[in-house]
Amino acid sequence: MNNTQKKLLYTFLPMTVIIILLDILSHGDIKVGYVKYATIITLFLATLVVRKRYQEQKIMNIAVFFIIVGDFFLVFCDTFPEISGKVHIFGIFGFLVAYLFLILAFHKNFRVGWKELFAGIPVLAIFIPNYFILFPYVSGLMFYGGTLFSVILCYMAWVSICTMLRCYYSPRISRCIALAGYLMLICDIGVSQSLFNPAFANQFNPWLACLIWGSYVPAWTLIAVTIAEDNLLYDTNKLLFQRVYCLKEPD
């Protein structure tokens, strides 16, 4: 892990805790919304200045840009009561585009086998119950749009987990990507509950806020760590050496 990656982790993981505490202690204060949005902008700027050796890192950086677009409408605009809630659709679209770029980056060496199918179980295990819980409360265009978003979200989470099986990214980075994708899924499930479930909509729920921000910032921090990686791809020469070495007769 290089110095840039350490700085990203040492900056944004503690910032996650600060955001959660501010949310609980000062909910309703518009300054908390500013802190949240400033954190995401800072994360994007940090990834923007990082030297990128690989095309995949540039694609991921575009995805990070679209989350600040999404959060402009979902977080920053919520600090203005007159437009709060009216522009959420634009924020959701921003995240939809971000996930499409992540899919483009994670889709290397794509194939479907038994391992990949089993990798989809953790995604479906938390998505399906959430879908059926919210099903009665969503209708019309929102239902179809939400279904499309859910399919793309789940596919992104699935292909992120599958990077651990494809020997394209290095093992450590594959684990980072897999965890990031799954945390994004958890985060958006929390967001969907806060928007559509009558038990949580239009009110503040501390544990739901902790779930959303406690998964959201770390997820994109891991993407930033991936963007800052010097040795992103799997070393096929090292793999070949290990196989040859293991096949040699012992002395």
C-alpha atoms as a PDB file:
ATOM      1  CA  MET A   1       0.000   0.000   0.000  1.00  0.00           C
ATOM      2  CA  ASN A   2       1.490   3.328  -1.046  1.00  0.00           C
ATOM      3  CA  ASN A   3       1.412   6.612   0.876  1.00  0.00           C
ATOM      4  CA  THR A   4      -1.494   8.020  -1.134  1.00  0.00           C
ATOM      5  CA  GLN A   5      -3.646   5.009  -0.319  1.00  0.00           C
ATOM      6  CA  LYS A   6      -2.768   5.275   3.377  1.00  0.00           C
ATOM      7  CA  LYS A   7      -3.699   8.964   3.394  1.00  0.00           C
ATOM      8  CA  LEU A   8      -7.044   8.182   1.749  1.00  0.00           C
ATOM      9  CA  LEU A   9      -7.871   5.568   4.372  1.00  0.00           C
ATOM     10  CA  TYR A  10      -6.611   7.677   7.294  1.00  0.00           C
ATOM     11  CA  THR A  11      -8.663  10.658   6.072  1.00  0.00           C
ATOM     12  CA  PHE A  12     -11.988   9.275   4.910  1.00  0.00           C
ATOM     13  CA  LEU A  13     -12.568   6.372   7.294  1.00  0.00           C
ATOM     14  CA  PRO A  14     -12.381   8.676  10.346  1.00  0.00           C
ATOM     15  CA  MET A  15     -14.500  11.160   8.385  1.00  0.00           C
ATOM     16  CA  THR A  16     -17.147   8.452   8.130  1.00  0.00           C
ATOM     17  CA  VAL A  17     -17.335   8.300  11.910  1.00  0.00           C
ATOM     18  CA  ILE A  18     -17.523  12.086  12.147  1.00  0.00           C
ATOM     19  CA  ILE A  19     -20.396  12.212   9.643  1.00  0.00           C
ATOM     20  CA  ILE A  20     -22.330   9.533  11.540  1.00  0.00           C
ATOM     21  CA  LEU A  21     -21.855  11.381  14.844  1.00  0.00           C
ATOM     22  CA  LEU A  22     -22.898  14.699  13.316  1.00  0.00           C
ATOM     23  CA  ASP A  23     -25.949  13.038  11.787  1.00  0.00           C
ATOM     24  CA  ILE A  24     -27.023  11.651  15.139  1.00  0.00           C
ATOM     25  CA  LEU A  25     -26.175  14.662  17.292  1.00  0.00           C
ATOM     26  CA  SER A  26     -27.128  17.478  14.915  1.00  0.00           C
ATOM     27  CA  HIS A  27     -29.692  16.032  12.560  1.00  0.00           C
ATOM     28  CA  GLY A  28     -31.589  18.736  10.732  1.00  0.00           C
ATOM     29  CA  ASP A  29     -28.694  21.180  10.807  1.00  0.00           C
ATOM     30  CA  ILE A  30     -27.986  22.157   7.192  1.00  0.00           C
ATOM     31  CA  LYS A  31     -24.280  22.398   8.039  1.00  0.00           C
ATOM     32  CA  VAL A  32     -24.211  18.605   8.350  1.00  0.00           C
ATOM     33  CA  GLY A  33     -25.355  18.378   4.732  1.00  0.00           C
ATOM     34  CA  TYR A  34     -22.528  20.698   3.727  1.00  0.00           C
ATOM     35  CA  VAL A  35     -20.004  18.516   5.574  1.00  0.00           C
ATOM     36  CA  LYS A  36     -21.309  15.412   3.827  1.00  0.00           C
ATOM     37  CA  TYR A  37     -21.143  16.952   0.371  1.00  0.00           C
ATOM     38  CA  ALA A  38     -17.745  18.542   1.023  1.00  0.00           C
ATOM     39  CA  THR A  39     -16.427  15.107   2.011  1.00  0.00           C
ATOM     40  CA  ILE A  40     -17.526  13.580  -1.303  1.00  0.00           C
ATOM     41  CA  ILE A  41     -16.120  16.498  -3.313  1.00  0.00           C
ATOM     42  CA  THR A  42     -12.812  16.138  -1.462  1.00  0.00           C
ATOM     43  CA  LEU A  43     -12.758  12.428  -2.238  1.00  0.00           C
ATOM     44  CA  PHE A  44     -13.275  13.168  -5.942  1.00  0.00           C
ATOM     45  CA  LEU A  45     -10.543  15.825  -5.963  1.00  0.00           C
ATOM     46  CA  ALA A  46      -8.187  13.383  -4.264  1.00  0.00           C
ATOM     47  CA  THR A  47      -8.778  10.803  -7.001  1.00  0.00           C
ATOM     48  CA  LEU A  48      -8.512  13.463  -9.689  1.00  0.00           C
ATOM     49  CA  VAL A  49      -4.932  14.424  -8.819  1.00  0.00           C
ATOM     50  CA  VAL A  50      -3.705  10.852  -8.442  1.00  0.00           C
ATOM     51  CA  ARG A  51      -1.473   9.603 -11.249  1.00  0.00           C
ATOM     52  CA  LYS A  52      -3.291   6.836 -13.079  1.00  0.00           C
ATOM     53  CA  ARG A  53      -1.315   4.130 -14.843  1.00  0.00           C
ATOM     54  CA  TYR A  54      -4.273   2.127 -16.119  1.00  0.00           C
ATOM     55  CA  GLN A  55      -7.330   2.872 -18.231  1.00  0.00           C
ATOM     56  CA  GLU A  56      -9.560   1.177 -15.667  1.00  0.00           C
ATOM     57  CA  GLN A  57      -8.527   3.735 -13.059  1.00  0.00           C
ATOM     58  CA  LYS A  58      -9.608   6.566 -15.340  1.00  0.00           C
ATOM     59  CA  ILE A  59     -12.986   4.894 -15.831  1.00  0.00           C
ATOM     60  CA  MET A  60     -13.426   4.546 -12.061  1.00  0.00           C
ATOM     61  CA  ASN A  61     -12.540   8.219 -11.655  1.00  0.00           C
ATOM     62  CA  ILE A  62     -15.414   9.121 -13.995  1.00  0.00           C
ATOM     63  CA  ALA A  63     -17.683   7.058 -11.749  1.00  0.00           C
ATOM     64  CA  VAL A  64     -16.519   9.072  -8.722  1.00  0.00           C
ATOM     65  CA  PHE A  65     -17.361  12.273 -10.611  1.00  0.00           C
ATOM     66  CA  PHE A  66     -20.931  11.093 -11.140  1.00  0.00           C
ATOM     67  CA  ILE A  67     -21.424  10.398  -7.436  1.00  0.00           C
ATOM     68  CA  ILE A  68     -20.735  14.074  -6.695  1.00  0.00           C
ATOM     69  CA  VAL A  69     -23.331  14.873  -9.365  1.00  0.00           C
ATOM     70  CA  GLY A  70     -25.723  12.466  -7.671  1.00  0.00           C
ATOM     71  CA  ASP A  71     -25.014  13.816  -4.202  1.00  0.00           C
ATOM     72  CA  PHE A  72     -25.536  17.373  -5.402  1.00  0.00           C
ATOM     73  CA  PHE A  73     -29.216  16.534  -5.889  1.00  0.00           C
ATOM     74  CA  LEU A  74     -29.576  14.010  -3.056  1.00  0.00           C
ATOM     75  CA  VAL A  75     -27.536  15.677  -0.299  1.00  0.00           C
ATOM     76  CA  PHE A  76     -26.662  19.291  -1.128  1.00  0.00           C
ATOM     77  CA  CYS A  77     -30.095  20.200  -2.496  1.00  0.00           C
ATOM     78  CA  ASP A  78     -31.691  18.735   0.627  1.00  0.00           C
ATOM     79  CA  THR A  79     -30.284  21.720   2.514  1.00  0.00           C
ATOM     80  CA  PHE A  80     -32.817  23.870   0.627  1.00  0.00           C
ATOM     81  CA  PRO A  81     -36.342  23.004   1.853  1.00  0.00           C
ATOM     82  CA  GLU A  82     -38.039  24.547  -1.190  1.00  0.00           C
ATOM     83  CA  ILE A  83     -36.482  22.010  -3.575  1.00  0.00           C
ATOM     84  CA  SER A  84     -35.704  19.143  -1.205  1.00  0.00           C
ATOM     85  CA  GLY A  85     -37.152  15.903  -2.558  1.00  0.00           C
ATOM     86  CA  LYS A  86     -38.097  17.398  -5.924  1.00  0.00           C
ATOM     87  CA  VAL A  87     -34.725  16.737  -7.552  1.00  0.00           C
ATOM     88  CA  HIS A  88     -33.961  13.307  -6.098  1.00  0.00           C
ATOM     89  CA  ILE A  89     -34.590  11.692  -9.474  1.00  0.00           C
ATOM     90  CA  PHE A  90     -31.568  13.526 -10.914  1.00  0.00           C
ATOM     91  CA  GLY A  91     -29.419  12.301  -8.048  1.00  0.00           C
ATOM     92  CA  ILE A  92     -30.538   8.720  -8.605  1.00  0.00           C
ATOM     93  CA  PHE A  93     -29.673   9.107 -12.287  1.00  0.00           C
ATOM     94  CA  GLY A  94     -26.184  10.313 -11.326  1.00  0.00           C
ATOM     95  CA  PHE A  95     -25.575   7.164  -9.301  1.00  0.00           C
ATOM     96  CA  LEU A  96     -27.008   5.026 -12.093  1.00  0.00           C
ATOM     97  CA  VAL A  97     -24.393   6.421 -14.492  1.00  0.00           C
ATOM     98  CA  ALA A  98     -21.661   5.955 -11.861  1.00  0.00           C
ATOM     99  CA  TYR A  99     -22.568   2.276 -11.527  1.00  0.00           C
ATOM    100  CA  LEU A 100     -22.513   1.815 -15.293  1.00  0.00           C
ATOM    101  CA  PHE A 101     -18.939   3.118 -15.391  1.00  0.00           C
ATOM    102  CA  LEU A 102     -17.986   0.810 -12.528  1.00  0.00           C
ATOM    103  CA  ILE A 103     -19.465  -2.129 -14.438  1.00  0.00           C
ATOM    104  CA  LEU A 104     -17.366  -1.116 -17.430  1.00  0.00           C
ATOM    105  CA  ALA A 105     -14.245  -1.158 -15.264  1.00  0.00           C
ATOM    106  CA  PHE A 106     -15.077  -4.384 -13.372  1.00  0.00           C
ATOM    107  CA  HIS A 107     -16.228  -6.353 -16.404  1.00  0.00           C
ATOM    108  CA  LYS A 108     -12.750  -7.472 -17.481  1.00  0.00           C
ATOM    109  CA  ASN A 109     -12.308 -11.175 -18.277  1.00  0.00           C
ATOM    110  CA  PHE A 110     -16.041 -11.674 -17.768  1.00  0.00           C
ATOM    111  CA  ARG A 111     -17.374 -15.193 -17.819  1.00  0.00           C
ATOM    112  CA  VAL A 112     -20.188 -17.055 -16.110  1.00  0.00           C
ATOM    113  CA  GLY A 113     -19.571 -20.333 -14.333  1.00  0.00           C
ATOM    114  CA  TRP A 114     -20.598 -22.064 -11.140  1.00  0.00           C
ATOM    115  CA  LYS A 115     -18.277 -19.909  -9.033  1.00  0.00           C
ATOM    116  CA  GLU A 116     -19.755 -16.732 -10.487  1.00  0.00           C
ATOM    117  CA  LEU A 117     -23.286 -17.986  -9.865  1.00  0.00           C
ATOM    118  CA  PHE A 118     -22.441 -18.725  -6.236  1.00  0.00           C
ATOM    119  CA  ALA A 119     -20.911 -15.238  -5.985  1.00  0.00           C
ATOM    120  CA  GLY A 120     -24.369 -13.846  -6.720  1.00  0.00           C
ATOM    121  CA  ILE A 121     -25.878 -15.429  -3.606  1.00  0.00           C
ATOM    122  CA  PRO A 122     -24.723 -12.689  -1.158  1.00  0.00           C
ATOM    123  CA  VAL A 123     -26.205 -10.068  -3.495  1.00  0.00           C
ATOM    124  CA  LEU A 124     -29.582 -11.767  -3.846  1.00  0.00           C
ATOM    125  CA  ALA A 125     -29.671 -12.643  -0.140  1.00  0.00           C
ATOM    126  CA  ILE A 126     -30.078  -9.011   0.860  1.00  0.00           C
ATOM    127  CA  PHE A 127     -31.696  -7.627  -2.284  1.00  0.00           C
ATOM    128  CA  ILE A 128     -34.678  -9.977  -2.633  1.00  0.00           C
ATOM    129  CA  PRO A 129     -36.078  -9.409   0.892  1.00  0.00           C
ATOM    130  CA  ASN A 130     -35.676  -5.655   0.439  1.00  0.00           C
ATOM    131  CA  TYR A 131     -37.448  -5.784  -2.939  1.00  0.00           C
ATOM    132  CA  PHE A 132     -40.490  -7.601  -1.556  1.00  0.00           C
ATOM    133  CA  ILE A 133     -40.673  -5.338   1.497  1.00  0.00           C
ATOM    134  CA  LEU A 134     -40.859  -2.231  -0.703  1.00  0.00           C
ATOM    135  CA  PHE A 135     -42.932  -3.761  -3.519  1.00  0.00           C
ATOM    136  CA  PRO A 136     -46.337  -2.673  -2.082  1.00  0.00           C
ATOM    137  CA  TYR A 137     -45.216   0.948  -1.681  1.00  0.00           C
ATOM    138  CA  VAL A 138     -43.839   1.677  -5.148  1.00  0.00           C
ATOM    139  CA  SER A 139     -45.939   1.997  -8.294  1.00  0.00           C
ATOM    140  CA  GLY A 140     -46.100   3.617 -11.729  1.00  0.00           C
ATOM    141  CA  LEU A 141     -42.977   5.004 -13.342  1.00  0.00           C
ATOM    142  CA  MET A 142     -41.135   4.908 -10.032  1.00  0.00           C
ATOM    143  CA  PHE A 143     -41.616   1.132  -9.919  1.00  0.00           C
ATOM    144  CA  TYR A 144     -40.150   0.595 -13.383  1.00  0.00           C
ATOM    145  CA  GLY A 145     -37.346   3.093 -12.826  1.00  0.00           C
ATOM    146  CA  GLY A 146     -36.568   1.583  -9.433  1.00  0.00           C
ATOM    147  CA  THR A 147     -36.505  -1.908 -10.913  1.00  0.00           C
ATOM    148  CA  LEU A 148     -34.073  -0.815 -13.631  1.00  0.00           C
ATOM    149  CA  PHE A 149     -31.851   0.874 -11.050  1.00  0.00           C
ATOM    150  CA  SER A 150     -31.981  -2.229  -8.839  1.00  0.00           C
ATOM    151  CA  VAL A 151     -30.950  -4.527 -11.681  1.00  0.00           C
ATOM    152  CA  ILE A 152     -27.948  -2.335 -12.533  1.00  0.00           C
ATOM    153  CA  LEU A 153     -27.021  -1.984  -8.850  1.00  0.00           C
ATOM    154  CA  CYS A 154     -27.142  -5.738  -8.265  1.00  0.00           C
ATOM    155  CA  TYR A 155     -25.215  -6.446 -11.454  1.00  0.00           C
ATOM    156  CA  MET A 156     -22.525  -3.974 -10.403  1.00  0.00           C
ATOM    157  CA  ALA A 157     -22.271  -5.595  -6.959  1.00  0.00           C
ATOM    158  CA  TRP A 158     -22.134  -9.053  -8.554  1.00  0.00           C
ATOM    159  CA  VAL A 159     -19.378  -8.252 -11.057  1.00  0.00           C
ATOM    160  CA  SER A 160     -17.409  -6.506  -8.314  1.00  0.00           C
ATOM    161  CA  ILE A 161     -17.462  -9.700  -6.237  1.00  0.00           C
ATOM    162  CA  CYS A 162     -16.576 -11.745  -9.320  1.00  0.00           C
ATOM    163  CA  THR A 163     -13.346  -9.781  -9.796  1.00  0.00           C
ATOM    164  CA  MET A 164     -11.897 -12.083  -7.123  1.00  0.00           C
ATOM    165  CA  LEU A 165     -12.450 -15.033  -9.481  1.00  0.00           C
ATOM    166  CA  ARG A 166     -11.179 -13.635 -12.773  1.00  0.00           C
ATOM    167  CA  CYS A 167      -7.446 -13.039 -12.195  1.00  0.00           C
ATOM    168  CA  TYR A 168      -7.548  -9.655 -13.903  1.00  0.00           C
ATOM    169  CA  TYR A 169      -7.014  -7.323 -10.955  1.00  0.00           C
ATOM    170  CA  SER A 170      -4.418  -8.141  -8.318  1.00  0.00           C
ATOM    171  CA  PRO A 171      -5.769 -10.223  -5.397  1.00  0.00           C
ATOM    172  CA  ARG A 172      -5.656  -7.367  -2.876  1.00  0.00           C
ATOM    173  CA  ILE A 173      -7.345  -4.929  -5.243  1.00  0.00           C
ATOM    174  CA  SER A 174      -9.941  -7.549  -6.185  1.00  0.00           C
ATOM    175  CA  ARG A 175     -10.879  -7.830  -2.526  1.00  0.00           C
ATOM    176  CA  CYS A 176     -11.122  -4.040  -2.254  1.00  0.00           C
ATOM    177  CA  ILE A 177     -13.384  -3.904  -5.315  1.00  0.00           C
ATOM    178  CA  ALA A 178     -15.581  -6.753  -4.052  1.00  0.00           C
ATOM    179  CA  LEU A 179     -16.033  -5.107  -0.646  1.00  0.00           C
ATOM    180  CA  ALA A 180     -16.703  -1.706  -2.235  1.00  0.00           C
ATOM    181  CA  GLY A 181     -19.395  -3.098  -4.538  1.00  0.00           C
ATOM    182  CA  TYR A 182     -21.121  -4.941  -1.707  1.00  0.00           C
ATOM    183  CA  LEU A 183     -21.035  -1.872   0.550  1.00  0.00           C
ATOM    184  CA  MET A 184     -22.651   0.166  -2.244  1.00  0.00           C
ATOM    185  CA  LEU A 185     -25.428  -2.417  -2.423  1.00  0.00           C
ATOM    186  CA  ILE A 186     -25.978  -2.203   1.345  1.00  0.00           C
ATOM    187  CA  CYS A 187     -25.948   1.598   1.191  1.00  0.00           C
ATOM    188  CA  ASP A 188     -28.543   1.802  -1.583  1.00  0.00           C
ATOM    189  CA  ILE A 189     -30.789  -0.707   0.132  1.00  0.00           C
ATOM    190  CA  GLY A 190     -30.727   1.598   3.129  1.00  0.00           C
ATOM    191  CA  VAL A 191     -31.492   4.594   0.897  1.00  0.00           C
ATOM    192  CA  SER A 192     -34.425   2.770  -0.719  1.00  0.00           C
ATOM    193  CA  GLN A 193     -35.846   1.994   2.718  1.00  0.00           C
ATOM    194  CA  SER A 194     -35.513   5.631   3.774  1.00  0.00           C
ATOM    195  CA  LEU A 195     -37.283   6.838   0.602  1.00  0.00           C
ATOM    196  CA  PHE A 196     -40.105   4.331   0.133  1.00  0.00           C
ATOM    197  CA  ASN A 197     -40.782   2.446   3.362  1.00  0.00           C
ATOM    198  CA  PRO A 198     -43.539   4.312   5.271  1.00  0.00           C
ATOM    199  CA  ALA A 199     -41.904   3.237   8.536  1.00  0.00           C
ATOM    200  CA  PHE A 200     -38.828   5.337   7.721  1.00  0.00           C
ATOM    201  CA  ALA A 201     -39.854   7.871   5.071  1.00  0.00           C
ATOM    202  CA  ASN A 202     -39.937  11.561   6.018  1.00  0.00           C
ATOM    203  CA  GLN A 203     -38.332  10.941   9.398  1.00  0.00           C
ATOM    204  CA  PHE A 204     -34.848  10.477  10.798  1.00  0.00           C
ATOM    205  CA  ASN A 205     -33.809   7.004  11.874  1.00  0.00           C
ATOM    206  CA  PRO A 206     -30.351   6.855  13.514  1.00  0.00           C
ATOM    207  CA  TRP A 207     -29.527   3.237  12.696  1.00  0.00           C
ATOM    208  CA  LEU A 208     -30.587   3.668   9.076  1.00  0.00           C
ATOM    209  CA  ALA A 209     -28.428   6.804   8.763  1.00  0.00           C
ATOM    210  CA  CYS A 210     -25.495   4.860  10.266  1.00  0.00           C
ATOM    211  CA  LEU A 211     -26.064   2.052   7.767  1.00  0.00           C
ATOM    212  CA  ILE A 212     -26.166   4.402   4.772  1.00  0.00           C
ATOM    213  CA  TRP A 213     -23.182   6.623   5.571  1.00  0.00           C
ATOM    214  CA  GLY A 214     -21.232   3.855   7.291  1.00  0.00           C
ATOM    215  CA  SER A 215     -21.227   1.908   4.029  1.00  0.00           C
ATOM    216  CA  TYR A 216     -21.297   4.733   1.481  1.00  0.00           C
ATOM    217  CA  VAL A 217     -18.109   6.641   2.341  1.00  0.00           C
ATOM    218  CA  PRO A 218     -15.967   3.517   2.958  1.00  0.00           C
ATOM    219  CA  ALA A 219     -17.184   1.998  -0.322  1.00  0.00           C
ATOM    220  CA  TRP A 220     -16.058   4.942  -2.412  1.00  0.00           C
ATOM    221  CA  THR A 221     -12.901   5.299  -0.333  1.00  0.00           C
ATOM    222  CA  LEU A 222     -12.002   1.774  -1.438  1.00  0.00           C
ATOM    223  CA  ILE A 223     -12.623   2.818  -5.041  1.00  0.00           C
ATOM    224  CA  ALA A 224     -10.299   5.783  -4.464  1.00  0.00           C
ATOM    225  CA  VAL A 225      -7.694   3.389  -3.032  1.00  0.00           C
ATOM    226  CA  THR A 226      -8.057   1.288  -6.187  1.00  0.00           C
ATOM    227  CA  ILE A 227      -7.568   4.361  -8.371  1.00  0.00           C
ATOM    228  CA  ALA A 228      -4.362   5.153  -6.457  1.00  0.00           C
ATOM    229  CA  GLU A 229      -2.954   1.618  -6.816  1.00  0.00           C
ATOM    230  CA  ASP A 230       0.448   1.317  -8.521  1.00  0.00           C
ATOM    231  CA  ASN A 231       0.115  -2.369  -9.423  1.00  0.00           C
ATOM    232  CA  LEU A 232      -3.528  -2.733 -10.347  1.00  0.00           C
ATOM    233  CA  LEU A 233      -3.502  -5.805 -12.542  1.00  0.00           C
ATOM    234  CA  TYR A 234      -2.760  -9.447 -11.834  1.00  0.00           C
ATOM    235  CA  ASP A 235       0.877 -10.372 -12.374  1.00  0.00           C
ATOM    236  CA  THR A 236       0.604 -13.292 -14.813  1.00  0.00           C
ATOM    237  CA  ASN A 237       4.395 -13.760 -14.850  1.00  0.00           C
ATOM    238  CA  LYS A 238       4.378 -14.243 -11.088  1.00  0.00           C
ATOM    239  CA  LEU A 239       1.526 -16.738 -11.387  1.00  0.00           C
ATOM    240  CA  LEU A 240       3.435 -18.714 -14.030  1.00  0.00           C
ATOM    241  CA  PHE A 241       6.550 -18.729 -11.826  1.00  0.00           C
ATOM    242  CA  GLN A 242       4.547 -20.032  -8.859  1.00  0.00           C
ATOM    243  CA  ARG A 243       3.051 -22.844 -10.939  1.00  0.00           C
ATOM    244  CA  VAL A 244       6.430 -23.888 -12.327  1.00  0.00           C
ATOM    245  CA  TYR A 245       8.027 -23.710  -8.884  1.00  0.00           C
ATOM    246  CA  CYS A 246       5.302 -25.847  -7.327  1.00  0.00           C
ATOM    247  CA  LEU A 247       5.728 -28.505 -10.044  1.00  0.00           C
ATOM    248  CA  LYS A 248       9.482 -28.839  -9.460  1.00  0.00           C
ATOM    249  CA  GLU A 249      10.689 -31.929  -7.685  1.00  0.00           C
ATOM    250  CA  PRO A 250      11.905 -31.277  -4.131  1.00  0.00           C
ATOM    251  CA  ASP A 251      15.663 -31.485  -3.554  1.00  0.00           C
END
